[in-house]
Amino acid sequence: MSKVSRYAWRDQQAVLNERMKGFLQNPGNEQLEAVLAEMRAYADAARSGAIEIPQQFTTYN
């Protein structure tokens, strides 16, 4: 996985996580629709090859 691909995946993941946090803090239809739209965008990007999802991911906190 190239560095550019990894950054694209990381950015997409960060946006999805922020949407989910927003929904958990303030559950409602508008926030739910935003999360679902972001999940669809993530799935579409993965399907089309716009982002590459790593087979293995290690995080260091």
C-alpha atoms as a PDB file:
ATOM      1  CA  MET A   1       0.000   0.000   0.000  1.00  0.00           C
ATOM      2  CA  SER A   2       1.483   3.312  -1.029  1.00  0.00           C
ATOM      3  CA  LYS A   3       1.814   6.262   1.304  1.00  0.00           C
ATOM      4  CA  VAL A   4      -0.756   8.229  -0.714  1.00  0.00           C
ATOM      5  CA  SER A   5      -3.243   5.353  -0.506  1.00  0.00           C
ATOM      6  CA  ARG A   6      -2.715   5.053   3.219  1.00  0.00           C
ATOM      7  CA  TYR A   7      -3.318   8.792   3.696  1.00  0.00           C
ATOM      8  CA  ALA A   8      -6.480   8.656   1.577  1.00  0.00           C
ATOM      9  CA  TRP A   9      -7.779   5.747   3.643  1.00  0.00           C
ATOM     10  CA  ARG A  10      -6.862   7.473   6.908  1.00  0.00           C
ATOM     11  CA  ASP A  11      -8.625  10.674   5.861  1.00  0.00           C
ATOM     12  CA  GLN A  12     -11.778   8.798   4.841  1.00  0.00           C
ATOM     13  CA  GLN A  13     -11.707   6.884   8.131  1.00  0.00           C
ATOM     14  CA  ALA A  14     -11.321  10.101  10.130  1.00  0.00           C
ATOM     15  CA  VAL A  15     -14.339  11.699   8.458  1.00  0.00           C
ATOM     16  CA  LEU A  16     -16.444   8.613   9.139  1.00  0.00           C
ATOM     17  CA  ASN A  17     -15.353   8.560  12.794  1.00  0.00           C
ATOM     18  CA  GLU A  18     -16.248  12.232  13.246  1.00  0.00           C
ATOM     19  CA  ARG A  19     -19.712  11.641  11.788  1.00  0.00           C
ATOM     20  CA  MET A  20     -20.244   8.745  14.175  1.00  0.00           C
ATOM     21  CA  LYS A  21     -19.100  10.830  17.153  1.00  0.00           C
ATOM     22  CA  GLY A  22     -21.549  13.551  16.159  1.00  0.00           C
ATOM     23  CA  PHE A  23     -24.369  11.039  16.000  1.00  0.00           C
ATOM     24  CA  LEU A  24     -23.482   9.534  19.383  1.00  0.00           C
ATOM     25  CA  GLN A  25     -23.358  12.971  21.005  1.00  0.00           C
ATOM     26  CA  ASN A  26     -26.607  14.140  19.446  1.00  0.00           C
ATOM     27  CA  PRO A  27     -28.649  11.228  18.070  1.00  0.00           C
ATOM     28  CA  GLY A  28     -31.243  12.268  15.559  1.00  0.00           C
ATOM     29  CA  ASN A  29     -32.398  11.656  12.028  1.00  0.00           C
ATOM     30  CA  GLU A  30     -30.153  14.323  10.530  1.00  0.00           C
ATOM     31  CA  GLN A  31     -27.025  12.924  12.173  1.00  0.00           C
ATOM     32  CA  LEU A  32     -28.046   9.359  11.306  1.00  0.00           C
ATOM     33  CA  GLU A  33     -28.464  10.298   7.652  1.00  0.00           C
ATOM     34  CA  ALA A  34     -25.020  11.969   7.701  1.00  0.00           C
ATOM     35  CA  VAL A  35     -23.432   8.806   9.124  1.00  0.00           C
ATOM     36  CA  LEU A  36     -25.172   6.601   6.569  1.00  0.00           C
ATOM     37  CA  ALA A  37     -24.155   8.895   3.717  1.00  0.00           C
ATOM     38  CA  GLU A  38     -20.539   8.822   4.895  1.00  0.00           C
ATOM     39  CA  MET A  39     -20.617   5.023   5.193  1.00  0.00           C
ATOM     40  CA  ARG A  40     -21.990   4.783   1.651  1.00  0.00           C
ATOM     41  CA  ALA A  41     -19.263   7.125   0.401  1.00  0.00           C
ATOM     42  CA  TYR A  42     -16.635   4.981   2.152  1.00  0.00           C
ATOM     43  CA  ALA A  43     -18.039   1.787   0.616  1.00  0.00           C
ATOM     44  CA  ASP A  44     -18.270   3.374  -2.839  1.00  0.00           C
ATOM     45  CA  ALA A  45     -14.687   4.631  -2.627  1.00  0.00           C
ATOM     46  CA  ALA A  46     -13.472   1.180  -1.602  1.00  0.00           C
ATOM     47  CA  ARG A  47     -15.468  -0.512  -4.362  1.00  0.00           C
ATOM     48  CA  SER A  48     -14.268   1.874  -7.048  1.00  0.00           C
ATOM     49  CA  GLY A  49     -10.641   1.655  -5.946  1.00  0.00           C
ATOM     50  CA  ALA A  50     -10.456   5.324  -4.951  1.00  0.00           C
ATOM     51  CA  ILE A  51      -9.187   4.183  -1.561  1.00  0.00           C
ATOM     52  CA  GLU A  52      -7.352   1.045  -0.640  1.00  0.00           C
ATOM     53  CA  ILE A  53      -8.217  -0.560   2.683  1.00  0.00           C
ATOM     54  CA  PRO A  54      -5.164  -2.074   4.379  1.00  0.00           C
ATOM     55  CA  GLN A  55      -5.314  -5.785   5.111  1.00  0.00           C
ATOM     56  CA  GLN A  56      -3.611  -5.191   8.432  1.00  0.00           C
ATOM     57  CA  PHE A  57      -3.669  -2.049  10.509  1.00  0.00           C
ATOM     58  CA  THR A  58      -1.523  -1.328  13.535  1.00  0.00           C
ATOM     59  CA  THR A  59      -2.071   1.716  15.692  1.00  0.00           C
ATOM     60  CA  TYR A  60       0.270   3.123  18.283  1.00  0.00           C
ATOM     61  CA  ASN A  61      -1.293   5.307  20.937  1.00  0.00           C
END
